[in-house]
Amino acid sequence: MNLTGGIVLFAVIWFMVFFVVLPVRFRSQEEAGEVVPGTPPSAPADAQIGRKARITTLIAVPIWAAIAAVILSGAVSIADLDWFGRLGR
């Protein structure tokens, strides 16, 4: 895995974790009782995007490190994932 591959892997993991973290402790404007005119009642009352981005980073870094370690160690390679024999060993 080269530098670009590591950055792409981290970005994919970060966004996957971010989409899991987004709905945690979600409170809509309707639940808060303060619907801003022009927005749907299901819009977040306080999204806390910065806090959720920090939490996402704290979760994504160890996941990325574990996956990168497995890839760099050679424990699992592309040949191991070739279930249909298309790489031609």
PDB file of N, CA and C in Angstrom:
ATOM      1  N   MET A   1       0.858  -1.172   0.000  1.00  0.00           N
ATOM      2  CA  MET A   1       0.000   0.000   0.000  1.00  0.00           C
ATOM      3  C   MET A   1       0.904   1.234   0.000  1.00  0.00           C
ATOM      4  N   ASN A   2       0.641   2.141  -0.920  1.00  0.00           N
ATOM      5  CA  ASN A   2       1.426   3.364  -0.983  1.00  0.00           C
ATOM      6  C   ASN A   2       0.708   4.490  -0.224  1.00  0.00           C
ATOM      7  N   LEU A   3       1.271   5.677  -0.247  1.00  0.00           N
ATOM      8  CA  LEU A   3       0.714   6.810   0.493  1.00  0.00           C
ATOM      9  C   LEU A   3      -0.693   7.151   0.015  1.00  0.00           C
ATOM     10  N   THR A   4      -0.884   7.184  -1.281  1.00  0.00           N
ATOM     11  CA  THR A   4      -2.205   7.503  -1.822  1.00  0.00           C
ATOM     12  C   THR A   4      -3.241   6.463  -1.406  1.00  0.00           C
ATOM     13  N   GLY A   5      -2.861   5.210  -1.447  1.00  0.00           N
ATOM     14  CA  GLY A   5      -3.771   4.146  -1.016  1.00  0.00           C
ATOM     15  C   GLY A   5      -4.137   4.272   0.451  1.00  0.00           C
ATOM     16  N   GLY A   6      -3.161   4.636   1.282  1.00  0.00           N
ATOM     17  CA  GLY A   6      -3.432   4.822   2.706  1.00  0.00           C
ATOM     18  C   GLY A   6      -4.373   5.984   2.959  1.00  0.00           C
ATOM     19  N   ILE A   7      -4.195   7.072   2.208  1.00  0.00           N
ATOM     20  CA  ILE A   7      -5.078   8.233   2.372  1.00  0.00           C
ATOM     21  C   ILE A   7      -6.493   7.905   1.908  1.00  0.00           C
ATOM     22  N   VAL A   8      -6.617   7.213   0.791  1.00  0.00           N
ATOM     23  CA  VAL A   8      -7.943   6.828   0.291  1.00  0.00           C
ATOM     24  C   VAL A   8      -8.620   5.872   1.267  1.00  0.00           C
ATOM     25  N   LEU A   9      -7.866   4.907   1.783  1.00  0.00           N
ATOM     26  CA  LEU A   9      -8.417   3.975   2.766  1.00  0.00           C
ATOM     27  C   LEU A   9      -8.913   4.720   3.997  1.00  0.00           C
ATOM     28  N   PHE A  10      -8.129   5.680   4.488  1.00  0.00           N
ATOM     29  CA  PHE A  10      -8.547   6.451   5.655  1.00  0.00           C
ATOM     30  C   PHE A  10      -9.801   7.264   5.356  1.00  0.00           C
ATOM     31  N   ALA A  11      -9.873   7.886   4.176  1.00  0.00           N
ATOM     32  CA  ALA A  11     -11.041   8.691   3.825  1.00  0.00           C
ATOM     33  C   ALA A  11     -12.301   7.839   3.752  1.00  0.00           C
ATOM     34  N   VAL A  12     -12.192   6.665   3.166  1.00  0.00           N
ATOM     35  CA  VAL A  12     -13.357   5.778   3.068  1.00  0.00           C
ATOM     36  C   VAL A  12     -13.812   5.342   4.456  1.00  0.00           C
ATOM     37  N   ILE A  13     -12.875   4.934   5.303  1.00  0.00           N
ATOM     38  CA  ILE A  13     -13.217   4.511   6.658  1.00  0.00           C
ATOM     39  C   ILE A  13     -13.802   5.681   7.446  1.00  0.00           C
ATOM     40  N   TRP A  14     -13.189   6.876   7.310  1.00  0.00           N
ATOM     41  CA  TRP A  14     -13.658   8.048   8.056  1.00  0.00           C
ATOM     42  C   TRP A  14     -15.104   8.374   7.703  1.00  0.00           C
ATOM     43  N   PHE A  15     -15.438   8.395   6.418  1.00  0.00           N
ATOM     44  CA  PHE A  15     -16.804   8.733   6.016  1.00  0.00           C
ATOM     45  C   PHE A  15     -17.793   7.635   6.409  1.00  0.00           C
ATOM     46  N   MET A  16     -17.393   6.374   6.343  1.00  0.00           N
ATOM     47  CA  MET A  16     -18.291   5.307   6.786  1.00  0.00           C
ATOM     48  C   MET A  16     -18.602   5.442   8.270  1.00  0.00           C
ATOM     49  N   VAL A  17     -17.583   5.718   9.073  1.00  0.00           N
ATOM     50  CA  VAL A  17     -17.792   5.905  10.511  1.00  0.00           C
ATOM     51  C   VAL A  17     -18.612   7.169  10.755  1.00  0.00           C
ATOM     52  N   PHE A  18     -18.359   8.233   9.991  1.00  0.00           N
ATOM     53  CA  PHE A  18     -19.086   9.490  10.151  1.00  0.00           C
ATOM     54  C   PHE A  18     -20.581   9.291   9.937  1.00  0.00           C
ATOM     55  N   PHE A  19     -20.950   8.521   8.909  1.00  0.00           N
ATOM     56  CA  PHE A  19     -22.367   8.282   8.653  1.00  0.00           C
ATOM     57  C   PHE A  19     -23.006   7.410   9.727  1.00  0.00           C
ATOM     58  N   VAL A  20     -22.210   6.641  10.433  1.00  0.00           N
ATOM     59  CA  VAL A  20     -22.738   5.867  11.567  1.00  0.00           C
ATOM     60  C   VAL A  20     -22.895   6.769  12.789  1.00  0.00           C
ATOM     61  N   VAL A  21     -21.971   7.708  12.980  1.00  0.00           N
ATOM     62  CA  VAL A  21     -21.975   8.581  14.161  1.00  0.00           C
ATOM     63  C   VAL A  21     -23.016   9.691  14.032  1.00  0.00           C
ATOM     64  N   LEU A  22     -23.337  10.138  12.827  1.00  0.00           N
ATOM     65  CA  LEU A  22     -24.258  11.264  12.651  1.00  0.00           C
ATOM     66  C   LEU A  22     -25.590  11.123  13.400  1.00  0.00           C
ATOM     67  N   PRO A  23     -26.281   9.997  13.317  1.00  0.00           N
ATOM     68  CA  PRO A  23     -27.572   9.932  14.004  1.00  0.00           C
ATOM     69  C   PRO A  23     -27.498   9.707  15.524  1.00  0.00           C
ATOM     70  N   VAL A  24     -26.307   9.555  16.081  1.00  0.00           N
ATOM     71  CA  VAL A  24     -26.185   9.327  17.523  1.00  0.00           C
ATOM     72  C   VAL A  24     -26.564  10.610  18.260  1.00  0.00           C
ATOM     73  N   ARG A  25     -27.425  10.490  19.249  1.00  0.00           N
ATOM     74  CA  ARG A  25     -27.941  11.617  20.043  1.00  0.00           C
ATOM     75  C   ARG A  25     -28.567  12.700  19.172  1.00  0.00           C
ATOM     76  N   PHE A  26     -29.278  12.274  18.142  1.00  0.00           N
ATOM     77  CA  PHE A  26     -29.952  13.205  17.242  1.00  0.00           C
ATOM     78  C   PHE A  26     -31.228  13.704  17.909  1.00  0.00           C
ATOM     79  N   ARG A  27     -31.434  15.002  17.835  1.00  0.00           N
ATOM     80  CA  ARG A  27     -32.647  15.608  18.368  1.00  0.00           C
ATOM     81  C   ARG A  27     -33.172  16.569  17.309  1.00  0.00           C
ATOM     82  N   SER A  28     -34.402  16.306  16.836  1.00  0.00           N
ATOM     83  CA  SER A  28     -34.961  17.130  15.765  1.00  0.00           C
ATOM     84  C   SER A  28     -35.513  18.435  16.335  1.00  0.00           C
ATOM     85  N   GLN A  29     -35.758  19.386  15.430  1.00  0.00           N
ATOM     86  CA  GLN A  29     -36.345  20.657  15.844  1.00  0.00           C
ATOM     87  C   GLN A  29     -37.739  20.452  16.418  1.00  0.00           C
ATOM     88  N   GLU A  30     -38.447  19.471  15.871  1.00  0.00           N
ATOM     89  CA  GLU A  30     -39.790  19.180  16.369  1.00  0.00           C
ATOM     90  C   GLU A  30     -39.740  18.690  17.816  1.00  0.00           C
ATOM     91  N   GLU A  31     -38.790  17.813  18.115  1.00  0.00           N
ATOM     92  CA  GLU A  31     -38.630  17.310  19.483  1.00  0.00           C
ATOM     93  C   GLU A  31     -38.217  18.426  20.434  1.00  0.00           C
ATOM     94  N   ALA A  32     -37.404  19.372  19.944  1.00  0.00           N
ATOM     95  CA  ALA A  32     -36.943  20.478  20.767  1.00  0.00           C
ATOM     96  C   ALA A  32     -38.030  21.534  20.936  1.00  0.00           C
ATOM     97  N   GLY A  33     -39.038  21.503  20.060  1.00  0.00           N
ATOM     98  CA  GLY A  33     -40.133  22.460  20.155  1.00  0.00           C
ATOM     99  C   GLY A  33     -39.808  23.812  19.553  1.00  0.00           C
ATOM    100  N   GLU A  34     -38.769  23.901  18.745  1.00  0.00           N
ATOM    101  CA  GLU A  34     -38.362  25.169  18.134  1.00  0.00           C
ATOM    102  C   GLU A  34     -38.084  24.950  16.649  1.00  0.00           C
ATOM    103  N   VAL A  35     -39.142  24.912  15.835  1.00  0.00           N
ATOM    104  CA  VAL A  35     -38.981  24.711  14.402  1.00  0.00           C
ATOM    105  C   VAL A  35     -38.720  26.069  13.749  1.00  0.00           C
ATOM    106  N   VAL A  36     -37.579  26.191  13.084  1.00  0.00           N
ATOM    107  CA  VAL A  36     -37.208  27.414  12.384  1.00  0.00           C
ATOM    108  C   VAL A  36     -38.027  27.500  11.107  1.00  0.00           C
ATOM    109  N   PRO A  37     -38.677  28.642  10.848  1.00  0.00           N
ATOM    110  CA  PRO A  37     -39.466  28.761   9.614  1.00  0.00           C
ATOM    111  C   PRO A  37     -38.605  28.514   8.372  1.00  0.00           C
ATOM    112  N   GLY A  38     -39.157  27.747   7.444  1.00  0.00           N
ATOM    113  CA  GLY A  38     -38.450  27.429   6.207  1.00  0.00           C
ATOM    114  C   GLY A  38     -37.654  26.140   6.265  1.00  0.00           C
ATOM    115  N   THR A  39     -37.638  25.470   7.420  1.00  0.00           N
ATOM    116  CA  THR A  39     -36.929  24.191   7.547  1.00  0.00           C
ATOM    117  C   THR A  39     -37.933  23.105   7.915  1.00  0.00           C
ATOM    118  N   PRO A  40     -37.637  21.860   7.560  1.00  0.00           N
ATOM    119  CA  PRO A  40     -38.546  20.783   7.939  1.00  0.00           C
ATOM    120  C   PRO A  40     -38.453  20.509   9.442  1.00  0.00           C
ATOM    121  N   PRO A  41     -39.520  20.039  10.040  1.00  0.00           N
ATOM    122  CA  PRO A  41     -39.486  19.742  11.480  1.00  0.00           C
ATOM    123  C   PRO A  41     -38.478  18.662  11.855  1.00  0.00           C
ATOM    124  N   SER A  42     -38.082  17.839  10.876  1.00  0.00           N
ATOM    125  CA  SER A  42     -37.124  16.761  11.152  1.00  0.00           C
ATOM    126  C   SER A  42     -35.673  17.226  11.087  1.00  0.00           C
ATOM    127  N   ALA A  43     -35.435  18.495  10.788  1.00  0.00           N
ATOM    128  CA  ALA A  43     -34.068  19.022  10.740  1.00  0.00           C
ATOM    129  C   ALA A  43     -33.480  19.013  12.147  1.00  0.00           C
ATOM    130  N   PRO A  44     -32.168  18.818  12.253  1.00  0.00           N
ATOM    131  CA  PRO A  44     -31.559  18.766  13.590  1.00  0.00           C
ATOM    132  C   PRO A  44     -31.635  20.106  14.304  1.00  0.00           C
ATOM    133  N   ALA A  45     -31.921  20.052  15.607  1.00  0.00           N
ATOM    134  CA  ALA A  45     -31.959  21.270  16.416  1.00  0.00           C
ATOM    135  C   ALA A  45     -30.538  21.775  16.639  1.00  0.00           C
ATOM    136  N   ASP A  46     -29.621  20.879  16.939  1.00  0.00           N
ATOM    137  CA  ASP A  46     -28.205  21.225  17.103  1.00  0.00           C
ATOM    138  C   ASP A  46     -27.396  20.052  16.572  1.00  0.00           C
ATOM    139  N   ALA A  47     -26.836  20.209  15.374  1.00  0.00           N
ATOM    140  CA  ALA A  47     -26.180  19.091  14.694  1.00  0.00           C
ATOM    141  C   ALA A  47     -24.874  18.666  15.356  1.00  0.00           C
ATOM    142  N   GLN A  48     -24.122  19.588  15.967  1.00  0.00           N
ATOM    143  CA  GLN A  48     -22.838  19.300  16.616  1.00  0.00           C
ATOM    144  C   GLN A  48     -21.883  18.572  15.667  1.00  0.00           C
ATOM    145  N   ILE A  49     -21.751  19.104  14.454  1.00  0.00           N
ATOM    146  CA  ILE A  49     -20.929  18.456  13.431  1.00  0.00           C
ATOM    147  C   ILE A  49     -19.459  18.385  13.847  1.00  0.00           C
ATOM    148  N   GLY A  50     -18.945  19.446  14.441  1.00  0.00           N
ATOM    149  CA  GLY A  50     -17.537  19.445  14.856  1.00  0.00           C
ATOM    150  C   GLY A  50     -17.249  18.367  15.889  1.00  0.00           C
ATOM    151  N   ARG A  51     -18.126  18.236  16.858  1.00  0.00           N
ATOM    152  CA  ARG A  51     -17.960  17.214  17.904  1.00  0.00           C
ATOM    153  C   ARG A  51     -18.035  15.814  17.294  1.00  0.00           C
ATOM    154  N   LYS A  52     -18.983  15.624  16.388  1.00  0.00           N
ATOM    155  CA  LYS A  52     -19.128  14.319  15.758  1.00  0.00           C
ATOM    156  C   LYS A  52     -17.951  14.010  14.834  1.00  0.00           C
ATOM    157  N   ALA A  53     -17.370  15.028  14.217  1.00  0.00           N
ATOM    158  CA  ALA A  53     -16.183  14.820  13.380  1.00  0.00           C
ATOM    159  C   ALA A  53     -14.994  14.390  14.239  1.00  0.00           C
ATOM    160  N   ARG A  54     -14.843  14.990  15.420  1.00  0.00           N
ATOM    161  CA  ARG A  54     -13.755  14.578  16.321  1.00  0.00           C
ATOM    162  C   ARG A  54     -13.962  13.148  16.812  1.00  0.00           C
ATOM    163  N   ILE A  55     -15.179  12.798  17.167  1.00  0.00           N
ATOM    164  CA  ILE A  55     -15.483  11.431  17.611  1.00  0.00           C
ATOM    165  C   ILE A  55     -15.206  10.450  16.472  1.00  0.00           C
ATOM    166  N   THR A  56     -15.610  10.838  15.264  1.00  0.00           N
ATOM    167  CA  THR A  56     -15.370   9.989  14.089  1.00  0.00           C
ATOM    168  C   THR A  56     -13.886   9.744  13.887  1.00  0.00           C
ATOM    169  N   THR A  57     -13.089  10.793  14.023  1.00  0.00           N
ATOM    170  CA  THR A  57     -11.643  10.652  13.841  1.00  0.00           C
ATOM    171  C   THR A  57     -11.052   9.727  14.901  1.00  0.00           C
ATOM    172  N   LEU A  58     -11.513   9.869  16.140  1.00  0.00           N
ATOM    173  CA  LEU A  58     -11.002   9.006  17.214  1.00  0.00           C
ATOM    174  C   LEU A  58     -11.357   7.536  16.996  1.00  0.00           C
ATOM    175  N   ILE A  59     -12.458   7.284  16.327  1.00  0.00           N
ATOM    176  CA  ILE A  59     -12.857   5.899  16.040  1.00  0.00           C
ATOM    177  C   ILE A  59     -12.171   5.393  14.770  1.00  0.00           C
ATOM    178  N   ALA A  60     -12.050   6.267  13.763  1.00  0.00           N
ATOM    179  CA  ALA A  60     -11.533   5.842  12.456  1.00  0.00           C
ATOM    180  C   ALA A  60     -10.038   5.549  12.478  1.00  0.00           C
ATOM    181  N   VAL A  61      -9.275   6.271  13.287  1.00  0.00           N
ATOM    182  CA  VAL A  61      -7.818   6.068  13.298  1.00  0.00           C
ATOM    183  C   VAL A  61      -7.434   4.650  13.718  1.00  0.00           C
ATOM    184  N   PRO A  62      -7.973   4.110  14.825  1.00  0.00           N
ATOM    185  CA  PRO A  62      -7.588   2.727  15.165  1.00  0.00           C
ATOM    186  C   PRO A  62      -8.089   1.693  14.155  1.00  0.00           C
ATOM    187  N   ILE A  63      -9.266   1.925  13.576  1.00  0.00           N
ATOM    188  CA  ILE A  63      -9.763   1.001  12.559  1.00  0.00           C
ATOM    189  C   ILE A  63      -8.835   1.023  11.353  1.00  0.00           C
ATOM    190  N   TRP A  64      -8.449   2.242  10.916  1.00  0.00           N
ATOM    191  CA  TRP A  64      -7.536   2.378   9.783  1.00  0.00           C
ATOM    192  C   TRP A  64      -6.189   1.723  10.096  1.00  0.00           C
ATOM    193  N   ALA A  65      -5.681   1.938  11.300  1.00  0.00           N
ATOM    194  CA  ALA A  65      -4.384   1.367  11.675  1.00  0.00           C
ATOM    195  C   ALA A  65      -4.427  -0.163  11.630  1.00  0.00           C
ATOM    196  N   ALA A  66      -5.512  -0.744  12.104  1.00  0.00           N
ATOM    197  CA  ALA A  66      -5.636  -2.205  12.097  1.00  0.00           C
ATOM    198  C   ALA A  66      -5.696  -2.737  10.661  1.00  0.00           C
ATOM    199  N   ILE A  67      -6.499  -2.109   9.820  1.00  0.00           N
ATOM    200  CA  ILE A  67      -6.616  -2.566   8.433  1.00  0.00           C
ATOM    201  C   ILE A  67      -5.304  -2.352   7.688  1.00  0.00           C
ATOM    202  N   ALA A  68      -4.656  -1.202   7.899  1.00  0.00           N
ATOM    203  CA  ALA A  68      -3.373  -0.935   7.242  1.00  0.00           C
ATOM    204  C   ALA A  68      -2.312  -1.929   7.704  1.00  0.00           C
ATOM    205  N   ALA A  69      -2.321  -2.293   8.982  1.00  0.00           N
ATOM    206  CA  ALA A  69      -1.347  -3.261   9.496  1.00  0.00           C
ATOM    207  C   ALA A  69      -1.541  -4.626   8.840  1.00  0.00           C
ATOM    208  N   VAL A  70      -2.786  -5.035   8.654  1.00  0.00           N
ATOM    209  CA  VAL A  70      -3.060  -6.319   8.004  1.00  0.00           C
ATOM    210  C   VAL A  70      -2.591  -6.283   6.550  1.00  0.00           C
ATOM    211  N   ILE A  71      -2.863  -5.174   5.865  1.00  0.00           N
ATOM    212  CA  ILE A  71      -2.446  -5.064   4.464  1.00  0.00           C
ATOM    213  C   ILE A  71      -0.926  -5.045   4.351  1.00  0.00           C
ATOM    214  N   LEU A  72      -0.254  -4.244   5.179  1.00  0.00           N
ATOM    215  CA  LEU A  72       1.196  -4.109   5.091  1.00  0.00           C
ATOM    216  C   LEU A  72       1.943  -5.356   5.565  1.00  0.00           C
ATOM    217  N   SER A  73       1.338  -6.118   6.470  1.00  0.00           N
ATOM    218  CA  SER A  73       2.008  -7.321   6.952  1.00  0.00           C
ATOM    219  C   SER A  73       2.007  -8.436   5.914  1.00  0.00           C
ATOM    220  N   GLY A  74       1.098  -8.361   4.983  1.00  0.00           N
ATOM    221  CA  GLY A  74       1.012  -9.401   3.967  1.00  0.00           C
ATOM    222  C   GLY A  74       0.194 -10.593   4.414  1.00  0.00           C
ATOM    223  N   ALA A  75      -0.459 -10.511   5.561  1.00  0.00           N
ATOM    224  CA  ALA A  75      -1.276 -11.618   6.049  1.00  0.00           C
ATOM    225  C   ALA A  75      -2.418 -11.919   5.096  1.00  0.00           C
ATOM    226  N   VAL A  76      -2.959 -10.881   4.473  1.00  0.00           N
ATOM    227  CA  VAL A  76      -4.016 -11.035   3.483  1.00  0.00           C
ATOM    228  C   VAL A  76      -3.569 -10.280   2.237  1.00  0.00           C
ATOM    229  N   SER A  77      -3.587 -10.954   1.116  1.00  0.00           N
ATOM    230  CA  SER A  77      -3.187 -10.315  -0.138  1.00  0.00           C
ATOM    231  C   SER A  77      -4.317 -10.425  -1.150  1.00  0.00           C
ATOM    232  N   ILE A  78      -4.114  -9.803  -2.308  1.00  0.00           N
ATOM    233  CA  ILE A  78      -5.115  -9.876  -3.373  1.00  0.00           C
ATOM    234  C   ILE A  78      -5.304 -11.321  -3.820  1.00  0.00           C
ATOM    235  N   ALA A  79      -4.232 -12.087  -3.855  1.00  0.00           N
ATOM    236  CA  ALA A  79      -4.322 -13.490  -4.276  1.00  0.00           C
ATOM    237  C   ALA A  79      -5.197 -14.291  -3.318  1.00  0.00           C
ATOM    238  N   ASP A  80      -5.186 -13.951  -2.042  1.00  0.00           N
ATOM    239  CA  ASP A  80      -6.038 -14.642  -1.077  1.00  0.00           C
ATOM    240  C   ASP A  80      -7.515 -14.357  -1.303  1.00  0.00           C
ATOM    241  N   LEU A  81      -7.810 -13.217  -1.885  1.00  0.00           N
ATOM    242  CA  LEU A  81      -9.195 -12.823  -2.126  1.00  0.00           C
ATOM    243  C   LEU A  81      -9.681 -13.220  -3.515  1.00  0.00           C
ATOM    244  N   ASP A  82      -8.859 -13.879  -4.304  1.00  0.00           N
ATOM    245  CA  ASP A  82      -9.206 -14.295  -5.656  1.00  0.00           C
ATOM    246  C   ASP A  82      -9.942 -15.638  -5.590  1.00  0.00           C
ATOM    247  N   TRP A  83     -11.220 -15.584  -5.288  1.00  0.00           N
ATOM    248  CA  TRP A  83     -12.006 -16.794  -5.093  1.00  0.00           C
ATOM    249  C   TRP A  83     -12.343 -17.504  -6.401  1.00  0.00           C
ATOM    250  N   PHE A  84     -12.331 -16.789  -7.499  1.00  0.00           N
ATOM    251  CA  PHE A  84     -12.734 -17.373  -8.766  1.00  0.00           C
ATOM    252  C   PHE A  84     -11.543 -17.712  -9.665  1.00  0.00           C
ATOM    253  N   GLY A  85     -10.317 -17.526  -9.184  1.00  0.00           N
ATOM    254  CA  GLY A  85      -9.117 -17.885  -9.927  1.00  0.00           C
ATOM    255  C   GLY A  85      -8.852 -17.057 -11.156  1.00  0.00           C
ATOM    256  N   ARG A  86      -9.217 -15.805 -11.138  1.00  0.00           N
ATOM    257  CA  ARG A  86      -9.067 -14.954 -12.316  1.00  0.00           C
ATOM    258  C   ARG A  86      -7.700 -14.273 -12.397  1.00  0.00           C
ATOM    259  N   LEU A  87      -6.885 -14.337 -11.365  1.00  0.00           N
ATOM    260  CA  LEU A  87      -5.576 -13.702 -11.401  1.00  0.00           C
ATOM    261  C   LEU A  87      -4.533 -14.591 -12.060  1.00  0.00           C
ATOM    262  N   GLY A  88      -4.812 -15.859 -12.197  1.00  0.00           N
ATOM    263  CA  GLY A  88      -3.892 -16.786 -12.876  1.00  0.00           C
ATOM    264  C   GLY A  88      -2.570 -16.953 -12.156  1.00  0.00           C
ATOM    265  N   ARG A  89      -2.566 -17.748 -11.144  1.00  0.00           N
ATOM    266  CA  ARG A  89      -1.363 -17.975 -10.356  1.00  0.00           C
ATOM    267  C   ARG A  89      -0.332 -18.721 -11.128  1.00  0.00           C
TER     268      ARG A  89
END
